[in-house]
Amino acid sequence: PGATEGPRGSAAEGMRRPLSREEVLGFVLGFLSLGYEMFLLRLVSLAHEPRPYTFAFTLLFFLLFWTLGVWLAGRTADRSARILAAGALAIALMPLVYAADRWQQKFALYGGGLLFFLPCLCFGAMYGRLVSAAARVWGRDVGRFYALNTLGSCLGILFF
């Protein structure tokens, strides 16, 4: 009995520990990034007609740019503050990109329309940074991080 209580006790103790900074930020990141996806679905539909093709295009490129951001996170030095600043700037410029697309330039979806997805690179890069920093005991910590990120994502979808 004594030998089996140790691992169970430490696992239970790990589940009760307070949330780490990375886990809290993972929740916020999920909330904001999926909120941005909802914004993109509306924005791209307004600029390029609300068709099933437009929906599929938006989902595809949101995930593609996100994935590229995660890939870049593993291949660059930790510059989280710069990534956050670049993401915030990119999001702040989206109304101007939308106005240019809808009223002036009429971007092709596979051309200038890809500008809408630049913030997704930053979301993916931050996800890669945060999940790597949160993983001290891989299965336990990544599971907690993933659960909180997913909860934030679901709430972001509902809120936005």
N, C-alpha and C. Protein backbone atom coordinates (compact mmCIF):
# COMPACT_ATOMS: atom_id res chain seq x y z
N PRO A 1 0.82 -1.20 0.00
CA PRO A 1 0.00 0.00 0.00
C PRO A 1 0.86 1.26 0.00
N GLY A 2 1.96 1.28 0.74
CA GLY A 2 2.80 2.46 0.81
C GLY A 2 3.43 2.81 -0.52
N ALA A 3 3.81 1.79 -1.30
CA ALA A 3 4.46 2.05 -2.58
C ALA A 3 3.48 2.60 -3.61
N THR A 4 2.22 2.23 -3.53
CA THR A 4 1.26 2.71 -4.52
C THR A 4 0.67 4.07 -4.14
N GLU A 5 0.74 4.45 -2.89
CA GLU A 5 0.17 5.74 -2.49
C GLU A 5 1.02 6.90 -2.96
N GLY A 6 2.32 6.73 -3.06
CA GLY A 6 3.20 7.82 -3.46
C GLY A 6 2.86 8.41 -4.82
N PRO A 7 2.82 7.60 -5.90
CA PRO A 7 2.50 8.17 -7.20
C PRO A 7 1.10 8.76 -7.28
N ARG A 8 0.12 8.07 -6.66
CA ARG A 8 -1.23 8.61 -6.71
C ARG A 8 -1.31 9.92 -5.93
N GLY A 9 -0.66 9.95 -4.80
CA GLY A 9 -0.66 11.17 -4.00
C GLY A 9 -0.02 12.33 -4.75
N SER A 10 1.10 12.09 -5.43
CA SER A 10 1.76 13.18 -6.15
C SER A 10 0.95 13.63 -7.35
N ALA A 11 0.24 12.70 -8.03
CA ALA A 11 -0.60 13.08 -9.16
C ALA A 11 -1.77 13.94 -8.67
N ALA A 12 -2.38 13.51 -7.57
CA ALA A 12 -3.50 14.28 -7.03
C ALA A 12 -3.02 15.65 -6.56
N GLU A 13 -1.84 15.68 -5.97
CA GLU A 13 -1.28 16.94 -5.51
C GLU A 13 -1.03 17.87 -6.70
N GLY A 14 -0.54 17.31 -7.81
CA GLY A 14 -0.29 18.11 -9.01
C GLY A 14 -1.56 18.69 -9.60
N MET A 15 -2.67 17.98 -9.48
CA MET A 15 -3.93 18.47 -10.01
C MET A 15 -4.49 19.61 -9.17
N ARG A 16 -4.13 19.65 -7.89
CA ARG A 16 -4.65 20.70 -7.00
C ARG A 16 -3.76 21.94 -6.96
N ARG A 17 -2.64 21.89 -7.60
CA ARG A 17 -1.74 23.04 -7.52
C ARG A 17 -2.35 24.26 -8.21
N PRO A 18 -1.95 25.45 -7.79
CA PRO A 18 -2.51 26.67 -8.40
C PRO A 18 -2.13 26.75 -9.89
N LEU A 19 -2.92 27.51 -10.63
CA LEU A 19 -2.64 27.68 -12.05
C LEU A 19 -1.34 28.45 -12.24
N SER A 20 -0.55 28.01 -13.20
CA SER A 20 0.68 28.73 -13.52
C SER A 20 0.36 29.93 -14.42
N ARG A 21 1.31 30.80 -14.53
CA ARG A 21 1.16 31.97 -15.42
C ARG A 21 0.89 31.50 -16.85
N GLU A 22 1.61 30.47 -17.30
CA GLU A 22 1.43 29.95 -18.66
C GLU A 22 0.02 29.40 -18.87
N GLU A 23 -0.52 28.73 -17.86
CA GLU A 23 -1.87 28.18 -17.98
C GLU A 23 -2.92 29.28 -18.06
N VAL A 24 -2.76 30.31 -17.25
CA VAL A 24 -3.69 31.45 -17.31
C VAL A 24 -3.59 32.14 -18.67
N LEU A 25 -2.36 32.36 -19.13
CA LEU A 25 -2.17 32.99 -20.44
C LEU A 25 -2.69 32.09 -21.57
N GLY A 26 -2.59 30.78 -21.40
CA GLY A 26 -3.14 29.85 -22.38
C GLY A 26 -4.65 29.99 -22.48
N PHE A 27 -5.32 30.18 -21.34
CA PHE A 27 -6.76 30.42 -21.34
C PHE A 27 -7.08 31.71 -22.09
N VAL A 28 -6.36 32.78 -21.77
CA VAL A 28 -6.59 34.08 -22.42
C VAL A 28 -6.29 33.98 -23.92
N LEU A 29 -5.21 33.31 -24.26
CA LEU A 29 -4.85 33.14 -25.67
C LEU A 29 -5.95 32.39 -26.43
N GLY A 30 -6.48 31.33 -25.84
CA GLY A 30 -7.57 30.61 -26.48
C GLY A 30 -8.79 31.50 -26.68
N PHE A 31 -9.13 32.27 -25.67
CA PHE A 31 -10.27 33.19 -25.73
C PHE A 31 -10.09 34.20 -26.87
N LEU A 32 -8.93 34.84 -26.92
CA LEU A 32 -8.69 35.88 -27.92
C LEU A 32 -8.51 35.32 -29.32
N SER A 33 -7.81 34.21 -29.44
CA SER A 33 -7.55 33.69 -30.79
C SER A 33 -8.81 33.14 -31.44
N LEU A 34 -9.65 32.43 -30.70
CA LEU A 34 -10.88 31.94 -31.31
C LEU A 34 -11.90 33.07 -31.45
N GLY A 35 -11.81 34.08 -30.60
CA GLY A 35 -12.61 35.28 -30.81
C GLY A 35 -12.21 35.96 -32.11
N TYR A 36 -10.91 36.00 -32.37
CA TYR A 36 -10.43 36.57 -33.63
C TYR A 36 -10.90 35.73 -34.82
N GLU A 37 -10.95 34.42 -34.65
CA GLU A 37 -11.45 33.59 -35.74
C GLU A 37 -12.90 33.92 -36.05
N MET A 38 -13.72 34.15 -35.03
CA MET A 38 -15.12 34.53 -35.26
C MET A 38 -15.18 35.87 -35.98
N PHE A 39 -14.31 36.79 -35.59
CA PHE A 39 -14.21 38.09 -36.26
C PHE A 39 -13.83 37.89 -37.72
N LEU A 40 -12.86 37.01 -37.97
CA LEU A 40 -12.42 36.74 -39.35
C LEU A 40 -13.54 36.14 -40.19
N LEU A 41 -14.29 35.22 -39.62
CA LEU A 41 -15.38 34.62 -40.38
C LEU A 41 -16.36 35.68 -40.86
N ARG A 42 -16.64 36.63 -40.02
CA ARG A 42 -17.55 37.73 -40.39
C ARG A 42 -16.88 38.69 -41.36
N LEU A 43 -15.65 39.06 -41.09
CA LEU A 43 -14.92 40.04 -41.90
C LEU A 43 -14.72 39.54 -43.33
N VAL A 44 -14.24 38.32 -43.48
CA VAL A 44 -13.99 37.77 -44.82
C VAL A 44 -15.31 37.58 -45.57
N SER A 45 -16.36 37.18 -44.85
CA SER A 45 -17.67 37.03 -45.51
C SER A 45 -18.20 38.36 -46.00
N LEU A 46 -18.00 39.43 -45.24
CA LEU A 46 -18.47 40.75 -45.67
C LEU A 46 -17.67 41.26 -46.87
N ALA A 47 -16.38 40.97 -46.88
CA ALA A 47 -15.52 41.45 -47.96
C ALA A 47 -15.65 40.60 -49.22
N HIS A 48 -15.99 39.31 -49.07
CA HIS A 48 -15.95 38.39 -50.21
C HIS A 48 -17.18 37.50 -50.33
N GLU A 49 -18.31 37.93 -49.88
CA GLU A 49 -19.57 37.20 -49.96
C GLU A 49 -19.60 35.97 -49.04
N PRO A 50 -20.71 35.82 -48.32
CA PRO A 50 -20.82 34.70 -47.36
C PRO A 50 -21.21 33.39 -48.06
N ARG A 51 -20.23 32.70 -48.56
CA ARG A 51 -20.44 31.42 -49.25
C ARG A 51 -19.74 30.32 -48.47
N PRO A 52 -20.13 29.07 -48.70
CA PRO A 52 -19.41 27.96 -48.05
C PRO A 52 -17.92 27.98 -48.37
N TYR A 53 -17.56 28.37 -49.58
CA TYR A 53 -16.17 28.47 -49.98
C TYR A 53 -15.42 29.48 -49.11
N THR A 54 -16.05 30.60 -48.84
CA THR A 54 -15.42 31.64 -48.01
C THR A 54 -15.22 31.13 -46.59
N PHE A 55 -16.20 30.42 -46.06
CA PHE A 55 -16.07 29.83 -44.73
C PHE A 55 -14.91 28.84 -44.70
N ALA A 56 -14.85 27.96 -45.68
CA ALA A 56 -13.78 26.95 -45.72
C ALA A 56 -12.42 27.61 -45.89
N PHE A 57 -12.34 28.64 -46.73
CA PHE A 57 -11.09 29.38 -46.92
C PHE A 57 -10.63 29.98 -45.60
N THR A 58 -11.54 30.60 -44.88
CA THR A 58 -11.19 31.25 -43.61
C THR A 58 -10.71 30.23 -42.59
N LEU A 59 -11.40 29.14 -42.46
CA LEU A 59 -10.99 28.11 -41.52
C LEU A 59 -9.63 27.52 -41.90
N LEU A 60 -9.45 27.22 -43.17
CA LEU A 60 -8.18 26.65 -43.65
C LEU A 60 -7.01 27.57 -43.34
N PHE A 61 -7.13 28.83 -43.69
CA PHE A 61 -5.99 29.72 -43.52
C PHE A 61 -5.79 30.16 -42.07
N PHE A 62 -6.86 30.21 -41.27
CA PHE A 62 -6.67 30.44 -39.84
C PHE A 62 -5.78 29.33 -39.26
N LEU A 63 -6.13 28.08 -39.57
CA LEU A 63 -5.36 26.94 -39.04
C LEU A 63 -3.97 26.85 -39.65
N LEU A 64 -3.84 27.16 -40.92
CA LEU A 64 -2.53 27.10 -41.57
C LEU A 64 -1.58 28.14 -40.98
N PHE A 65 -2.03 29.37 -40.86
CA PHE A 65 -1.18 30.42 -40.29
C PHE A 65 -0.88 30.13 -38.82
N TRP A 66 -1.86 29.61 -38.08
CA TRP A 66 -1.64 29.21 -36.68
C TRP A 66 -0.53 28.17 -36.61
N THR A 67 -0.62 27.16 -37.46
CA THR A 67 0.37 26.09 -37.47
C THR A 67 1.75 26.62 -37.83
N LEU A 68 1.82 27.52 -38.79
CA LEU A 68 3.11 28.13 -39.14
C LEU A 68 3.68 28.90 -37.95
N GLY A 69 2.81 29.56 -37.20
CA GLY A 69 3.25 30.28 -36.01
C GLY A 69 3.83 29.33 -34.96
N VAL A 70 3.17 28.19 -34.73
CA VAL A 70 3.69 27.20 -33.78
C VAL A 70 5.04 26.68 -34.26
N TRP A 71 5.15 26.41 -35.55
CA TRP A 71 6.41 25.94 -36.13
C TRP A 71 7.51 26.98 -35.93
N LEU A 72 7.20 28.24 -36.17
CA LEU A 72 8.19 29.30 -35.99
C LEU A 72 8.61 29.44 -34.52
N ALA A 73 7.69 29.21 -33.60
CA ALA A 73 7.99 29.33 -32.17
C ALA A 73 9.11 28.38 -31.77
N GLY A 74 9.14 27.22 -32.36
CA GLY A 74 10.17 26.24 -32.03
C GLY A 74 11.50 26.50 -32.71
N ARG A 75 11.54 27.44 -33.64
CA ARG A 75 12.76 27.68 -34.41
C ARG A 75 13.33 29.07 -34.24
N THR A 76 12.76 29.85 -33.33
CA THR A 76 13.26 31.20 -33.09
C THR A 76 13.51 31.39 -31.60
N ALA A 77 14.30 32.39 -31.30
CA ALA A 77 14.56 32.72 -29.89
C ALA A 77 13.28 33.25 -29.26
N ASP A 78 13.19 33.14 -27.94
CA ASP A 78 11.99 33.60 -27.23
C ASP A 78 11.90 35.11 -27.29
N ARG A 79 10.96 35.59 -28.05
CA ARG A 79 10.70 37.01 -28.19
C ARG A 79 9.21 37.26 -27.97
N SER A 80 8.70 36.76 -26.85
CA SER A 80 7.27 36.81 -26.59
C SER A 80 6.72 38.23 -26.61
N ALA A 81 7.43 39.17 -26.05
CA ALA A 81 6.94 40.56 -26.04
C ALA A 81 6.83 41.10 -27.46
N ARG A 82 7.78 40.77 -28.29
CA ARG A 82 7.73 41.22 -29.69
C ARG A 82 6.61 40.52 -30.45
N ILE A 83 6.40 39.25 -30.17
CA ILE A 83 5.31 38.52 -30.83
C ILE A 83 3.97 39.14 -30.44
N LEU A 84 3.80 39.43 -29.15
CA LEU A 84 2.55 40.05 -28.70
C LEU A 84 2.35 41.42 -29.32
N ALA A 85 3.41 42.22 -29.39
CA ALA A 85 3.32 43.55 -30.00
C ALA A 85 2.98 43.45 -31.48
N ALA A 86 3.62 42.52 -32.19
CA ALA A 86 3.34 42.35 -33.62
C ALA A 86 1.90 41.88 -33.83
N GLY A 87 1.43 40.98 -32.98
CA GLY A 87 0.05 40.51 -33.08
C GLY A 87 -0.95 41.62 -32.82
N ALA A 88 -0.69 42.41 -31.79
CA ALA A 88 -1.59 43.53 -31.47
C ALA A 88 -1.62 44.55 -32.61
N LEU A 89 -0.46 44.85 -33.17
CA LEU A 89 -0.40 45.79 -34.29
C LEU A 89 -1.14 45.23 -35.51
N ALA A 90 -0.93 43.96 -35.79
CA ALA A 90 -1.61 43.34 -36.93
C ALA A 90 -3.12 43.38 -36.76
N ILE A 91 -3.60 43.11 -35.55
CA ILE A 91 -5.04 43.16 -35.30
C ILE A 91 -5.55 44.59 -35.42
N ALA A 92 -4.79 45.55 -34.92
CA ALA A 92 -5.20 46.95 -35.00
C ALA A 92 -5.29 47.43 -36.45
N LEU A 93 -4.49 46.85 -37.33
CA LEU A 93 -4.51 47.25 -38.74
C LEU A 93 -5.61 46.57 -39.56
N MET A 94 -6.27 45.57 -38.99
CA MET A 94 -7.28 44.82 -39.75
C MET A 94 -8.43 45.68 -40.27
N PRO A 95 -8.92 46.67 -39.52
CA PRO A 95 -9.98 47.52 -40.11
C PRO A 95 -9.50 48.24 -41.38
N LEU A 96 -8.24 48.64 -41.42
CA LEU A 96 -7.69 49.30 -42.61
C LEU A 96 -7.55 48.30 -43.76
N VAL A 97 -7.11 47.09 -43.45
CA VAL A 97 -6.99 46.04 -44.47
C VAL A 97 -8.38 45.73 -45.03
N TYR A 98 -9.36 45.62 -44.13
CA TYR A 98 -10.73 45.34 -44.57
C TYR A 98 -11.25 46.46 -45.47
N ALA A 99 -11.04 47.70 -45.06
CA ALA A 99 -11.52 48.84 -45.86
C ALA A 99 -10.87 48.83 -47.24
N ALA A 100 -9.57 48.57 -47.28
CA ALA A 100 -8.89 48.51 -48.58
C ALA A 100 -9.43 47.36 -49.42
N ASP A 101 -9.67 46.23 -48.80
CA ASP A 101 -10.18 45.06 -49.52
C ASP A 101 -11.60 45.30 -50.03
N ARG A 102 -12.44 45.78 -49.17
CA ARG A 102 -13.86 45.90 -49.54
C ARG A 102 -14.14 47.08 -50.46
N TRP A 103 -13.49 48.22 -50.24
CA TRP A 103 -13.88 49.44 -50.95
C TRP A 103 -12.89 49.90 -52.01
N GLN A 104 -11.63 49.48 -51.92
CA GLN A 104 -10.64 50.03 -52.86
C GLN A 104 -9.97 48.97 -53.72
N GLN A 105 -9.25 48.06 -53.11
CA GLN A 105 -8.40 47.13 -53.85
C GLN A 105 -9.12 45.87 -54.33
N LYS A 106 -10.14 45.44 -53.62
CA LYS A 106 -10.83 44.18 -53.94
C LYS A 106 -9.84 43.03 -54.06
N PHE A 107 -9.19 42.70 -52.94
CA PHE A 107 -8.17 41.63 -52.92
C PHE A 107 -8.74 40.30 -53.39
N ALA A 108 -7.91 39.54 -54.05
CA ALA A 108 -8.24 38.14 -54.30
C ALA A 108 -8.04 37.40 -52.98
N LEU A 109 -8.88 36.41 -52.68
CA LEU A 109 -8.74 35.69 -51.43
C LEU A 109 -7.34 35.09 -51.27
N TYR A 110 -6.81 34.51 -52.34
CA TYR A 110 -5.49 33.87 -52.25
C TYR A 110 -4.35 34.85 -52.50
N GLY A 111 -4.65 36.12 -52.51
CA GLY A 111 -3.63 37.16 -52.66
C GLY A 111 -3.62 38.04 -51.42
N GLY A 112 -4.11 39.25 -51.59
CA GLY A 112 -4.17 40.19 -50.48
C GLY A 112 -5.07 39.76 -49.35
N GLY A 113 -6.03 38.87 -49.66
CA GLY A 113 -6.92 38.37 -48.61
C GLY A 113 -6.19 37.62 -47.52
N LEU A 114 -5.00 37.14 -47.82
CA LEU A 114 -4.21 36.43 -46.81
C LEU A 114 -3.71 37.36 -45.71
N LEU A 115 -3.73 38.67 -45.95
CA LEU A 115 -3.31 39.63 -44.92
C LEU A 115 -4.17 39.51 -43.66
N PHE A 116 -5.42 39.10 -43.83
CA PHE A 116 -6.31 38.96 -42.67
C PHE A 116 -5.79 37.93 -41.66
N PHE A 117 -4.94 37.03 -42.11
CA PHE A 117 -4.51 35.92 -41.28
C PHE A 117 -3.15 36.14 -40.60
N LEU A 118 -2.51 37.27 -40.83
CA LEU A 118 -1.21 37.53 -40.20
C LEU A 118 -1.25 37.45 -38.68
N PRO A 119 -2.29 37.95 -38.01
CA PRO A 119 -2.31 37.79 -36.55
C PRO A 119 -2.29 36.33 -36.10
N CYS A 120 -2.77 35.44 -36.94
CA CYS A 120 -2.80 34.01 -36.58
C CYS A 120 -1.39 33.45 -36.42
N LEU A 121 -0.41 34.00 -37.15
CA LEU A 121 0.98 33.62 -36.95
C LEU A 121 1.40 33.90 -35.50
N CYS A 122 1.00 35.06 -35.01
CA CYS A 122 1.35 35.45 -33.64
C CYS A 122 0.62 34.59 -32.62
N PHE A 123 -0.66 34.29 -32.87
CA PHE A 123 -1.40 33.41 -31.95
C PHE A 123 -0.73 32.04 -31.87
N GLY A 124 -0.35 31.50 -33.02
CA GLY A 124 0.31 30.19 -33.04
C GLY A 124 1.67 30.22 -32.37
N ALA A 125 2.44 31.28 -32.61
CA ALA A 125 3.75 31.40 -31.98
C ALA A 125 3.63 31.49 -30.46
N MET A 126 2.66 32.24 -29.99
CA MET A 126 2.47 32.34 -28.53
C MET A 126 2.00 31.02 -27.95
N TYR A 127 1.14 30.31 -28.67
CA TYR A 127 0.70 29.01 -28.19
C TYR A 127 1.91 28.08 -28.06
N GLY A 128 2.75 28.04 -29.07
CA GLY A 128 3.95 27.20 -29.02
C GLY A 128 4.85 27.56 -27.85
N ARG A 129 5.04 28.85 -27.62
CA ARG A 129 5.88 29.30 -26.50
C ARG A 129 5.27 28.90 -25.16
N LEU A 130 3.98 29.17 -25.01
CA LEU A 130 3.33 28.92 -23.72
C LEU A 130 3.24 27.44 -23.39
N VAL A 131 2.86 26.61 -24.35
CA VAL A 131 2.73 25.18 -24.06
C VAL A 131 4.10 24.58 -23.75
N SER A 132 5.15 25.07 -24.41
CA SER A 132 6.49 24.57 -24.11
C SER A 132 6.93 24.99 -22.71
N ALA A 133 6.60 26.20 -22.31
CA ALA A 133 6.98 26.68 -20.99
C ALA A 133 6.16 26.01 -19.88
N ALA A 134 4.92 25.63 -20.20
CA ALA A 134 4.05 25.01 -19.20
C ALA A 134 4.41 23.56 -18.93
N ALA A 135 5.10 22.92 -19.85
CA ALA A 135 5.34 21.47 -19.79
C ALA A 135 6.55 21.16 -18.91
N ARG A 136 6.30 20.95 -17.63
CA ARG A 136 7.36 20.48 -16.73
C ARG A 136 7.25 18.96 -16.59
N VAL A 137 6.03 18.49 -16.33
CA VAL A 137 5.70 17.06 -16.37
C VAL A 137 4.75 16.94 -17.55
N TRP A 138 5.26 16.44 -18.67
CA TRP A 138 4.60 16.59 -19.97
C TRP A 138 3.12 16.20 -19.96
N GLY A 139 2.76 15.02 -19.58
CA GLY A 139 1.37 14.58 -19.64
C GLY A 139 0.45 15.40 -18.76
N ARG A 140 0.86 15.65 -17.54
CA ARG A 140 0.01 16.39 -16.60
C ARG A 140 -0.09 17.86 -16.99
N ASP A 141 1.04 18.50 -17.20
CA ASP A 141 1.04 19.95 -17.45
C ASP A 141 0.44 20.31 -18.80
N VAL A 142 0.78 19.55 -19.83
CA VAL A 142 0.21 19.84 -21.15
C VAL A 142 -1.29 19.58 -21.13
N GLY A 143 -1.73 18.56 -20.40
CA GLY A 143 -3.17 18.30 -20.29
C GLY A 143 -3.90 19.45 -19.63
N ARG A 144 -3.35 19.98 -18.56
CA ARG A 144 -3.98 21.13 -17.89
C ARG A 144 -3.97 22.35 -18.80
N PHE A 145 -2.83 22.60 -19.45
CA PHE A 145 -2.72 23.74 -20.35
C PHE A 145 -3.75 23.62 -21.48
N TYR A 146 -3.80 22.43 -22.08
CA TYR A 146 -4.72 22.20 -23.20
C TYR A 146 -6.17 22.38 -22.76
N ALA A 147 -6.51 21.87 -21.58
CA ALA A 147 -7.89 22.00 -21.09
C ALA A 147 -8.25 23.47 -20.88
N LEU A 148 -7.35 24.24 -20.28
CA LEU A 148 -7.63 25.66 -20.05
C LEU A 148 -7.68 26.43 -21.36
N ASN A 149 -6.80 26.12 -22.29
CA ASN A 149 -6.80 26.77 -23.60
C ASN A 149 -8.10 26.45 -24.34
N THR A 150 -8.55 25.22 -24.26
CA THR A 150 -9.80 24.82 -24.92
C THR A 150 -10.99 25.52 -24.28
N LEU A 151 -11.02 25.61 -22.97
CA LEU A 151 -12.10 26.32 -22.29
C LEU A 151 -12.12 27.79 -22.72
N GLY A 152 -10.94 28.42 -22.74
CA GLY A 152 -10.87 29.80 -23.21
C GLY A 152 -11.33 29.93 -24.65
N SER A 153 -10.97 28.97 -25.49
CA SER A 153 -11.38 28.99 -26.91
C SER A 153 -12.90 28.93 -27.03
N CYS A 154 -13.51 28.03 -26.29
CA CYS A 154 -14.97 27.89 -26.34
C CYS A 154 -15.66 29.16 -25.87
N LEU A 155 -15.16 29.75 -24.80
CA LEU A 155 -15.75 30.98 -24.30
C LEU A 155 -15.51 32.14 -25.27
N GLY A 156 -14.37 32.15 -25.93
CA GLY A 156 -14.09 33.19 -26.93
C GLY A 156 -15.06 33.11 -28.11
N ILE A 157 -15.36 31.89 -28.54
CA ILE A 157 -16.32 31.70 -29.62
C ILE A 157 -17.69 32.24 -29.20
N LEU A 158 -18.11 31.87 -27.99
CA LEU A 158 -19.42 32.32 -27.52
C LEU A 158 -19.48 33.83 -27.31
N PHE A 159 -18.41 34.39 -26.74
CA PHE A 159 -18.41 35.83 -26.45
C PHE A 159 -18.39 36.67 -27.72
N PHE A 160 -17.50 36.31 -28.64
CA PHE A 160 -17.37 37.13 -29.85
C PHE A 160 -18.44 36.79 -30.87
